[in-house]
């Protein structure tokens, strides 16, 4: 399960940022300069797409954005094969 948590966090990286995984990652970088309120729907969508594509071992349940000033944190809830619901928090910016 630790590996699933790590991969869920890695999905926030820019595609091609990992040398051994040229296409692994997401397009979140496109929204880094957007105002936070405008970026949220795009960031959630990109996160959902990346996790569904790159982490087939888990079932994505929900991605919840949290704003703290200019920082955006994504809380990802997912279910592993054993049925246990887990969550991972990823600081996006």
PDB file of N, CA and C in Angstrom:
ATOM      1  N   UNK A   1       0.807  -1.183   0.000  1.00  0.00           N
ATOM      2  CA  UNK A   1       0.000   0.000   0.000  1.00  0.00           C
ATOM      3  C   UNK A   1       0.864   1.266   0.000  1.00  0.00           C
ATOM      4  N   UNK A   2       2.049   1.186   0.539  1.00  0.00           N
ATOM      5  CA  UNK A   2       2.952   2.328   0.539  1.00  0.00           C
ATOM      6  C   UNK A   2       3.270   2.730  -0.894  1.00  0.00           C
ATOM      7  N   UNK A   3       3.444   1.756  -1.773  1.00  0.00           N
ATOM      8  CA  UNK A   3       3.761   2.060  -3.167  1.00  0.00           C
ATOM      9  C   UNK A   3       2.614   2.809  -3.839  1.00  0.00           C
ATOM     10  N   UNK A   4       1.380   2.450  -3.522  1.00  0.00           N
ATOM     11  CA  UNK A   4       0.232   3.141  -4.107  1.00  0.00           C
ATOM     12  C   UNK A   4       0.215   4.593  -3.642  1.00  0.00           C
ATOM     13  N   UNK A   5       0.493   4.843  -2.364  1.00  0.00           N
ATOM     14  CA  UNK A   5       0.553   6.221  -1.854  1.00  0.00           C
ATOM     15  C   UNK A   5       1.623   7.022  -2.595  1.00  0.00           C
ATOM     16  N   UNK A   6       2.787   6.408  -2.792  1.00  0.00           N
ATOM     17  CA  UNK A   6       3.869   7.100  -3.488  1.00  0.00           C
ATOM     18  C   UNK A   6       3.488   7.400  -4.933  1.00  0.00           C
ATOM     19  N   UNK A   7       2.895   6.441  -5.624  1.00  0.00           N
ATOM     20  CA  UNK A   7       2.516   6.660  -7.013  1.00  0.00           C
ATOM     21  C   UNK A   7       1.433   7.720  -7.126  1.00  0.00           C
ATOM     22  N   UNK A   8       0.507   7.752  -6.157  1.00  0.00           N
ATOM     23  CA  UNK A   8      -0.526   8.777  -6.167  1.00  0.00           C
ATOM     24  C   UNK A   8       0.107  10.153  -6.060  1.00  0.00           C
ATOM     25  N   UNK A   9       1.140  10.287  -5.236  1.00  0.00           N
ATOM     26  CA  UNK A   9       1.860  11.560  -5.112  1.00  0.00           C
ATOM     27  C   UNK A   9       2.664  11.866  -6.367  1.00  0.00           C
ATOM     28  N   UNK A  10       3.274  10.852  -6.971  1.00  0.00           N
ATOM     29  CA  UNK A  10       4.080  11.055  -8.174  1.00  0.00           C
ATOM     30  C   UNK A  10       3.238  11.533  -9.355  1.00  0.00           C
ATOM     31  N   UNK A  11       1.951  11.219  -9.359  1.00  0.00           N
ATOM     32  CA  UNK A  11       1.088  11.646 -10.461  1.00  0.00           C
ATOM     33  C   UNK A  11       0.995  13.165 -10.546  1.00  0.00           C
ATOM     34  N   UNK A  12       1.358  13.864  -9.474  1.00  0.00           N
ATOM     35  CA  UNK A  12       1.333  15.328  -9.486  1.00  0.00           C
ATOM     36  C   UNK A  12       2.548  15.909 -10.204  1.00  0.00           C
ATOM     37  N   UNK A  13       3.510  15.087 -10.542  1.00  0.00           N
ATOM     38  CA  UNK A  13       4.708  15.577 -11.234  1.00  0.00           C
ATOM     39  C   UNK A  13       4.434  15.803 -12.714  1.00  0.00           C
ATOM     40  N   UNK A  14       5.266  16.644 -13.284  1.00  0.00           N
ATOM     41  CA  UNK A  14       5.157  16.927 -14.716  1.00  0.00           C
ATOM     42  C   UNK A  14       5.534  15.681 -15.513  1.00  0.00           C
ATOM     43  N   UNK A  15       4.806  15.425 -16.578  1.00  0.00           N
ATOM     44  CA  UNK A  15       5.131  14.288 -17.444  1.00  0.00           C
ATOM     45  C   UNK A  15       6.568  14.424 -17.921  1.00  0.00           C
ATOM     46  N   UNK A  16       7.285  13.332 -17.958  1.00  0.00           N
ATOM     47  CA  UNK A  16       8.689  13.240 -18.375  1.00  0.00           C
ATOM     48  C   UNK A  16       9.656  13.732 -17.305  1.00  0.00           C
ATOM     49  N   UNK A  17       9.180  14.053 -16.101  1.00  0.00           N
ATOM     50  CA  UNK A  17      10.070  14.490 -15.022  1.00  0.00           C
ATOM     51  C   UNK A  17      10.856  13.317 -14.443  1.00  0.00           C
ATOM     52  N   UNK A  18      10.371  12.109 -14.662  1.00  0.00           N
ATOM     53  CA  UNK A  18      11.046  10.914 -14.179  1.00  0.00           C
ATOM     54  C   UNK A  18      11.704  10.256 -15.385  1.00  0.00           C
ATOM     55  N   UNK A  19      13.039  10.170 -15.411  1.00  0.00           N
ATOM     56  CA  UNK A  19      13.750   9.677 -16.597  1.00  0.00           C
ATOM     57  C   UNK A  19      13.299   8.302 -17.081  1.00  0.00           C
ATOM     58  N   UNK A  20      12.948   7.405 -16.169  1.00  0.00           N
ATOM     59  CA  UNK A  20      12.569   6.055 -16.590  1.00  0.00           C
ATOM     60  C   UNK A  20      11.108   5.958 -16.999  1.00  0.00           C
ATOM     61  N   UNK A  21      10.337   7.004 -16.768  1.00  0.00           N
ATOM     62  CA  UNK A  21       8.928   6.998 -17.143  1.00  0.00           C
ATOM     63  C   UNK A  21       8.604   8.228 -17.959  1.00  0.00           C
ATOM     64  N   UNK A  22       8.937   8.205 -19.228  1.00  0.00           N
ATOM     65  CA  UNK A  22       8.835   9.399 -20.073  1.00  0.00           C
ATOM     66  C   UNK A  22       7.450  10.018 -20.095  1.00  0.00           C
ATOM     67  N   UNK A  23       6.417   9.207 -20.032  1.00  0.00           N
ATOM     68  CA  UNK A  23       5.061   9.736 -20.128  1.00  0.00           C
ATOM     69  C   UNK A  23       4.354   9.760 -18.783  1.00  0.00           C
ATOM     70  N   UNK A  24       5.009   9.241 -17.756  1.00  0.00           N
ATOM     71  CA  UNK A  24       4.408   9.183 -16.428  1.00  0.00           C
ATOM     72  C   UNK A  24       4.303  10.582 -15.838  1.00  0.00           C
ATOM     73  N   UNK A  25       3.165  10.910 -15.266  1.00  0.00           N
ATOM     74  CA  UNK A  25       2.970  12.210 -14.641  1.00  0.00           C
ATOM     75  C   UNK A  25       1.655  12.825 -15.088  1.00  0.00           C
ATOM     76  N   UNK A  26       1.585  14.152 -15.015  1.00  0.00           N
ATOM     77  CA  UNK A  26       0.348  14.840 -15.365  1.00  0.00           C
ATOM     78  C   UNK A  26       0.661  16.183 -16.019  1.00  0.00           C
ATOM     79  N   UNK A  27      -0.391  16.891 -16.363  1.00  0.00           N
ATOM     80  CA  UNK A  27      -0.251  18.214 -16.967  1.00  0.00           C
ATOM     81  C   UNK A  27      -0.569  19.327 -15.975  1.00  0.00           C
ATOM     82  N   UNK A  28      -0.386  19.068 -14.689  1.00  0.00           N
ATOM     83  CA  UNK A  28      -0.679  20.072 -13.670  1.00  0.00           C
ATOM     84  C   UNK A  28       0.160  21.331 -13.837  1.00  0.00           C
ATOM     85  N   UNK A  29       1.337  21.209 -14.392  1.00  0.00           N
ATOM     86  CA  UNK A  29       2.231  22.350 -14.570  1.00  0.00           C
ATOM     87  C   UNK A  29       1.596  23.456 -15.401  1.00  0.00           C
ATOM     88  N   UNK A  30       0.655  23.101 -16.242  1.00  0.00           N
ATOM     89  CA  UNK A  30       0.016  24.104 -17.102  1.00  0.00           C
ATOM     90  C   UNK A  30      -0.750  25.165 -16.302  1.00  0.00           C
ATOM     91  N   UNK A  31      -1.139  24.827 -15.082  1.00  0.00           N
ATOM     92  CA  UNK A  31      -2.011  25.698 -14.291  1.00  0.00           C
ATOM     93  C   UNK A  31      -1.297  26.360 -13.118  1.00  0.00           C
ATOM     94  N   UNK A  32       0.010  26.276 -13.069  1.00  0.00           N
ATOM     95  CA  UNK A  32       0.771  26.800 -11.938  1.00  0.00           C
ATOM     96  C   UNK A  32       0.634  28.320 -11.802  1.00  0.00           C
ATOM     97  N   UNK A  33       0.467  29.044 -12.903  1.00  0.00           N
ATOM     98  CA  UNK A  33       0.359  30.500 -12.849  1.00  0.00           C
ATOM     99  C   UNK A  33      -1.081  31.010 -12.871  1.00  0.00           C
ATOM    100  N   UNK A  34      -2.037  30.106 -12.884  1.00  0.00           N
ATOM    101  CA  UNK A  34      -3.441  30.521 -12.851  1.00  0.00           C
ATOM    102  C   UNK A  34      -3.782  31.043 -11.457  1.00  0.00           C
ATOM    103  N   UNK A  35      -4.743  31.968 -11.359  1.00  0.00           N
ATOM    104  CA  UNK A  35      -5.265  32.309 -10.032  1.00  0.00           C
ATOM    105  C   UNK A  35      -5.838  31.040  -9.397  1.00  0.00           C
ATOM    106  N   UNK A  36      -5.656  30.903  -8.117  1.00  0.00           N
ATOM    107  CA  UNK A  36      -5.987  29.650  -7.429  1.00  0.00           C
ATOM    108  C   UNK A  36      -7.426  29.203  -7.689  1.00  0.00           C
ATOM    109  N   UNK A  37      -8.373  30.151  -7.693  1.00  0.00           N
ATOM    110  CA  UNK A  37      -9.781  29.789  -7.892  1.00  0.00           C
ATOM    111  C   UNK A  37     -10.030  29.236  -9.296  1.00  0.00           C
ATOM    112  N   UNK A  38      -9.316  29.771 -10.282  1.00  0.00           N
ATOM    113  CA  UNK A  38      -9.469  29.281 -11.655  1.00  0.00           C
ATOM    114  C   UNK A  38      -8.740  27.967 -11.873  1.00  0.00           C
ATOM    115  N   UNK A  39      -7.683  27.739 -11.115  1.00  0.00           N
ATOM    116  CA  UNK A  39      -6.873  26.533 -11.300  1.00  0.00           C
ATOM    117  C   UNK A  39      -7.548  25.286 -10.739  1.00  0.00           C
ATOM    118  N   UNK A  40      -8.345  25.439  -9.689  1.00  0.00           N
ATOM    119  CA  UNK A  40      -8.883  24.275  -8.971  1.00  0.00           C
ATOM    120  C   UNK A  40      -9.577  23.258  -9.874  1.00  0.00           C
ATOM    121  N   UNK A  41     -10.563  23.627 -10.706  1.00  0.00           N
ATOM    122  CA  UNK A  41     -11.217  22.585 -11.509  1.00  0.00           C
ATOM    123  C   UNK A  41     -10.260  21.874 -12.464  1.00  0.00           C
ATOM    124  N   UNK A  42      -9.300  22.612 -13.005  1.00  0.00           N
ATOM    125  CA  UNK A  42      -8.328  22.011 -13.917  1.00  0.00           C
ATOM    126  C   UNK A  42      -7.398  21.059 -13.171  1.00  0.00           C
ATOM    127  N   UNK A  43      -6.960  21.474 -11.994  1.00  0.00           N
ATOM    128  CA  UNK A  43      -6.039  20.662 -11.191  1.00  0.00           C
ATOM    129  C   UNK A  43      -6.719  19.372 -10.743  1.00  0.00           C
ATOM    130  N   UNK A  44      -7.959  19.472 -10.307  1.00  0.00           N
ATOM    131  CA  UNK A  44      -8.692  18.264  -9.894  1.00  0.00           C
ATOM    132  C   UNK A  44      -8.861  17.327 -11.085  1.00  0.00           C
ATOM    133  N   UNK A  45      -9.268  17.870 -12.230  1.00  0.00           N
ATOM    134  CA  UNK A  45      -9.463  17.035 -13.433  1.00  0.00           C
ATOM    135  C   UNK A  45      -8.171  16.339 -13.847  1.00  0.00           C
ATOM    136  N   UNK A  46      -7.074  17.092 -13.916  1.00  0.00           N
ATOM    137  CA  UNK A  46      -5.784  16.513 -14.307  1.00  0.00           C
ATOM    138  C   UNK A  46      -5.332  15.453 -13.310  1.00  0.00           C
ATOM    139  N   UNK A  47      -5.578  15.689 -12.035  1.00  0.00           N
ATOM    140  CA  UNK A  47      -5.198  14.718 -11.005  1.00  0.00           C
ATOM    141  C   UNK A  47      -5.980  13.424 -11.163  1.00  0.00           C
ATOM    142  N   UNK A  48      -7.276  13.552 -11.361  1.00  0.00           N
ATOM    143  CA  UNK A  48      -8.125  12.370 -11.539  1.00  0.00           C
ATOM    144  C   UNK A  48      -7.677  11.579 -12.766  1.00  0.00           C
ATOM    145  N   UNK A  49      -7.440  12.257 -13.873  1.00  0.00           N
ATOM    146  CA  UNK A  49      -7.014  11.569 -15.095  1.00  0.00           C
ATOM    147  C   UNK A  49      -5.678  10.861 -14.909  1.00  0.00           C
ATOM    148  N   UNK A  50      -4.726  11.532 -14.260  1.00  0.00           N
ATOM    149  CA  UNK A  50      -3.399  10.931 -14.066  1.00  0.00           C
ATOM    150  C   UNK A  50      -3.461   9.723 -13.142  1.00  0.00           C
ATOM    151  N   UNK A  51      -4.204   9.833 -12.051  1.00  0.00           N
ATOM    152  CA  UNK A  51      -4.283   8.706 -11.113  1.00  0.00           C
ATOM    153  C   UNK A  51      -4.979   7.521 -11.769  1.00  0.00           C
ATOM    154  N   UNK A  52      -6.051   7.777 -12.485  1.00  0.00           N
ATOM    155  CA  UNK A  52      -6.752   6.671 -13.161  1.00  0.00           C
ATOM    156  C   UNK A  52      -5.882   6.014 -14.227  1.00  0.00           C
ATOM    157  N   UNK A  53      -5.073   6.805 -14.900  1.00  0.00           N
ATOM    158  CA  UNK A  53      -4.217   6.255 -15.949  1.00  0.00           C
ATOM    159  C   UNK A  53      -3.025   5.493 -15.371  1.00  0.00           C
ATOM    160  N   UNK A  54      -2.361   6.074 -14.378  1.00  0.00           N
ATOM    161  CA  UNK A  54      -1.077   5.549 -13.932  1.00  0.00           C
ATOM    162  C   UNK A  54      -1.136   4.671 -12.689  1.00  0.00           C
ATOM    163  N   UNK A  55      -2.274   4.605 -12.026  1.00  0.00           N
ATOM    164  CA  UNK A  55      -2.352   3.773 -10.828  1.00  0.00           C
ATOM    165  C   UNK A  55      -3.581   2.868 -10.874  1.00  0.00           C
ATOM    166  N   UNK A  56      -3.504   1.797 -11.671  1.00  0.00           N
ATOM    167  CA  UNK A  56      -4.653   0.906 -11.819  1.00  0.00           C
ATOM    168  C   UNK A  56      -4.910   0.021 -10.596  1.00  0.00           C
ATOM    169  N   UNK A  57      -3.979  -0.012  -9.643  1.00  0.00           N
ATOM    170  CA  UNK A  57      -4.152  -0.864  -8.462  1.00  0.00           C
ATOM    171  C   UNK A  57      -5.139  -0.295  -7.457  1.00  0.00           C
ATOM    172  N   UNK A  58      -5.557   0.941  -7.648  1.00  0.00           N
ATOM    173  CA  UNK A  58      -6.499   1.515  -6.692  1.00  0.00           C
ATOM    174  C   UNK A  58      -7.718   2.068  -7.422  1.00  0.00           C
ATOM    175  N   UNK A  59      -8.805   2.157  -6.687  1.00  0.00           N
ATOM    176  CA  UNK A  59     -10.029   2.764  -7.214  1.00  0.00           C
ATOM    177  C   UNK A  59     -10.133   4.155  -6.607  1.00  0.00           C
ATOM    178  N   UNK A  60     -10.089   5.154  -7.442  1.00  0.00           N
ATOM    179  CA  UNK A  60     -10.151   6.536  -6.985  1.00  0.00           C
ATOM    180  C   UNK A  60     -11.567   6.849  -6.519  1.00  0.00           C
ATOM    181  N   UNK A  61     -11.691   7.381  -5.308  1.00  0.00           N
ATOM    182  CA  UNK A  61     -12.998   7.720  -4.768  1.00  0.00           C
ATOM    183  C   UNK A  61     -13.293   9.215  -4.865  1.00  0.00           C
ATOM    184  N   UNK A  62     -12.281  10.039  -4.493  1.00  0.00           N
ATOM    185  CA  UNK A  62     -12.548  11.473  -4.445  1.00  0.00           C
ATOM    186  C   UNK A  62     -11.243  12.252  -4.389  1.00  0.00           C
ATOM    187  N   UNK A  63     -11.232  13.420  -5.018  1.00  0.00           N
ATOM    188  CA  UNK A  63     -10.123  14.371  -4.905  1.00  0.00           C
ATOM    189  C   UNK A  63     -10.718  15.668  -4.371  1.00  0.00           C
ATOM    190  N   UNK A  64     -10.259  16.076  -3.187  1.00  0.00           N
ATOM    191  CA  UNK A  64     -10.785  17.268  -2.532  1.00  0.00           C
ATOM    192  C   UNK A  64      -9.699  18.332  -2.433  1.00  0.00           C
ATOM    193  N   UNK A  65      -9.911  19.503  -3.040  1.00  0.00           N
ATOM    194  CA  UNK A  65      -8.923  20.580  -2.923  1.00  0.00           C
ATOM    195  C   UNK A  65      -9.137  21.373  -1.635  1.00  0.00           C
ATOM    196  N   UNK A  66      -8.039  21.819  -1.028  1.00  0.00           N
ATOM    197  CA  UNK A  66      -8.075  22.675   0.152  1.00  0.00           C
ATOM    198  C   UNK A  66      -7.152  23.856  -0.102  1.00  0.00           C
ATOM    199  N   UNK A  67      -7.673  25.054   0.107  1.00  0.00           N
ATOM    200  CA  UNK A  67      -6.887  26.266  -0.116  1.00  0.00           C
ATOM    201  C   UNK A  67      -6.455  26.832   1.228  1.00  0.00           C
ATOM    202  N   UNK A  68      -5.172  27.166   1.328  1.00  0.00           N
ATOM    203  CA  UNK A  68      -4.625  27.852   2.499  1.00  0.00           C
ATOM    204  C   UNK A  68      -3.765  28.997   1.972  1.00  0.00           C
ATOM    205  N   UNK A  69      -4.364  30.171   1.849  1.00  0.00           N
ATOM    206  CA  UNK A  69      -3.658  31.303   1.251  1.00  0.00           C
ATOM    207  C   UNK A  69      -3.438  31.046  -0.227  1.00  0.00           C
ATOM    208  N   UNK A  70      -2.183  30.979  -0.625  1.00  0.00           N
ATOM    209  CA  UNK A  70      -1.839  30.693  -2.016  1.00  0.00           C
ATOM    210  C   UNK A  70      -1.447  29.234  -2.222  1.00  0.00           C
ATOM    211  N   UNK A  71      -1.629  28.416  -1.206  1.00  0.00           N
ATOM    212  CA  UNK A  71      -1.263  27.005  -1.302  1.00  0.00           C
ATOM    213  C   UNK A  71      -2.502  26.161  -1.563  1.00  0.00           C
ATOM    214  N   UNK A  72      -2.348  25.197  -2.438  1.00  0.00           N
ATOM    215  CA  UNK A  72      -3.427  24.275  -2.767  1.00  0.00           C
ATOM    216  C   UNK A  72      -2.968  22.865  -2.433  1.00  0.00           C
ATOM    217  N   UNK A  73      -3.732  22.209  -1.580  1.00  0.00           N
ATOM    218  CA  UNK A  73      -3.453  20.827  -1.211  1.00  0.00           C
ATOM    219  C   UNK A  73      -4.582  19.959  -1.740  1.00  0.00           C
ATOM    220  N   UNK A  74      -4.228  18.836  -2.326  1.00  0.00           N
ATOM    221  CA  UNK A  74      -5.216  17.880  -2.814  1.00  0.00           C
ATOM    222  C   UNK A  74      -5.251  16.690  -1.871  1.00  0.00           C
ATOM    223  N   UNK A  75      -6.435  16.356  -1.397  1.00  0.00           N
ATOM    224  CA  UNK A  75      -6.604  15.152  -0.583  1.00  0.00           C
ATOM    225  C   UNK A  75      -7.258  14.107  -1.477  1.00  0.00           C
ATOM    226  N   UNK A  76      -6.525  13.048  -1.718  1.00  0.00           N
ATOM    227  CA  UNK A  76      -6.972  11.991  -2.620  1.00  0.00           C
ATOM    228  C   UNK A  76      -7.439  10.805  -1.782  1.00  0.00           C
ATOM    229  N   UNK A  77      -8.699  10.428  -1.942  1.00  0.00           N
ATOM    230  CA  UNK A  77      -9.220   9.238  -1.268  1.00  0.00           C
ATOM    231  C   UNK A  77      -9.321   8.122  -2.294  1.00  0.00           C
ATOM    232  N   UNK A  78      -8.830   6.942  -1.899  1.00  0.00           N
ATOM    233  CA  UNK A  78      -8.792   5.813  -2.811  1.00  0.00           C
ATOM    234  C   UNK A  78      -8.973   4.516  -2.039  1.00  0.00           C
ATOM    235  N   UNK A  79      -9.366   3.484  -2.770  1.00  0.00           N
ATOM    236  CA  UNK A  79      -9.583   2.166  -2.180  1.00  0.00           C
ATOM    237  C   UNK A  79      -8.646   1.179  -2.852  1.00  0.00           C
ATOM    238  N   UNK A  80      -7.914   0.452  -2.036  1.00  0.00           N
ATOM    239  CA  UNK A  80      -7.002  -0.576  -2.543  1.00  0.00           C
ATOM    240  C   UNK A  80      -7.775  -1.879  -2.749  1.00  0.00           C
ATOM    241  N   UNK A  81      -7.101  -2.875  -3.272  1.00  0.00           N
ATOM    242  CA  UNK A  81      -7.729  -4.165  -3.554  1.00  0.00           C
ATOM    243  C   UNK A  81      -8.283  -4.828  -2.297  1.00  0.00           C
ATOM    244  N   UNK A  82      -7.697  -4.523  -1.124  1.00  0.00           N
ATOM    245  CA  UNK A  82      -8.179  -5.131   0.119  1.00  0.00           C
ATOM    246  C   UNK A  82      -9.455  -4.476   0.633  1.00  0.00           C
ATOM    247  N   UNK A  83      -9.936  -3.430  -0.040  1.00  0.00           N
ATOM    248  CA  UNK A  83     -11.181  -2.777   0.327  1.00  0.00           C
ATOM    249  C   UNK A  83     -11.046  -1.644   1.325  1.00  0.00           C
ATOM    250  N   UNK A  84      -9.858  -1.439   1.856  1.00  0.00           N
ATOM    251  CA  UNK A  84      -9.639  -0.387   2.845  1.00  0.00           C
ATOM    252  C   UNK A  84      -9.552   0.966   2.137  1.00  0.00           C
ATOM    253  N   UNK A  85     -10.262   1.959   2.677  1.00  0.00           N
ATOM    254  CA  UNK A  85     -10.214   3.309   2.120  1.00  0.00           C
ATOM    255  C   UNK A  85      -9.026   4.041   2.726  1.00  0.00           C
ATOM    256  N   UNK A  86      -8.219   4.631   1.863  1.00  0.00           N
ATOM    257  CA  UNK A  86      -7.018   5.360   2.270  1.00  0.00           C
ATOM    258  C   UNK A  86      -7.092   6.776   1.736  1.00  0.00           C
ATOM    259  N   UNK A  87      -6.230   7.638   2.264  1.00  0.00           N
ATOM    260  CA  UNK A  87      -6.142   8.987   1.716  1.00  0.00           C
ATOM    261  C   UNK A  87      -4.689   9.430   1.688  1.00  0.00           C
ATOM    262  N   UNK A  88      -4.385  10.252   0.705  1.00  0.00           N
ATOM    263  CA  UNK A  88      -3.051  10.806   0.520  1.00  0.00           C
ATOM    264  C   UNK A  88      -3.213  12.300   0.295  1.00  0.00           C
ATOM    265  N   UNK A  89      -2.417  13.106   0.994  1.00  0.00           N
ATOM    266  CA  UNK A  89      -2.448  14.551   0.781  1.00  0.00           C
ATOM    267  C   UNK A  89      -1.224  14.961  -0.019  1.00  0.00           C
ATOM    268  N   UNK A  90      -1.461  15.768  -1.045  1.00  0.00           N
ATOM    269  CA  UNK A  90      -0.391  16.221  -1.925  1.00  0.00           C
ATOM    270  C   UNK A  90      -0.445  17.744  -1.992  1.00  0.00           C
ATOM    271  N   UNK A  91       0.646  18.399  -1.590  1.00  0.00           N
ATOM    272  CA  UNK A  91       0.731  19.853  -1.720  1.00  0.00           C
ATOM    273  C   UNK A  91       1.065  20.159  -3.170  1.00  0.00           C
ATOM    274  N   UNK A  92       0.174  20.875  -3.843  1.00  0.00           N
ATOM    275  CA  UNK A  92       0.417  21.175  -5.249  1.00  0.00           C
ATOM    276  C   UNK A  92       1.224  22.452  -5.408  1.00  0.00           C
ATOM    277  N   UNK A  93       0.845  23.493  -4.724  1.00  0.00           N
ATOM    278  CA  UNK A  93       1.633  24.727  -4.779  1.00  0.00           C
ATOM    279  C   UNK A  93       1.398  25.552  -3.559  1.00  0.00           C
TER     280      UNK A  93
END
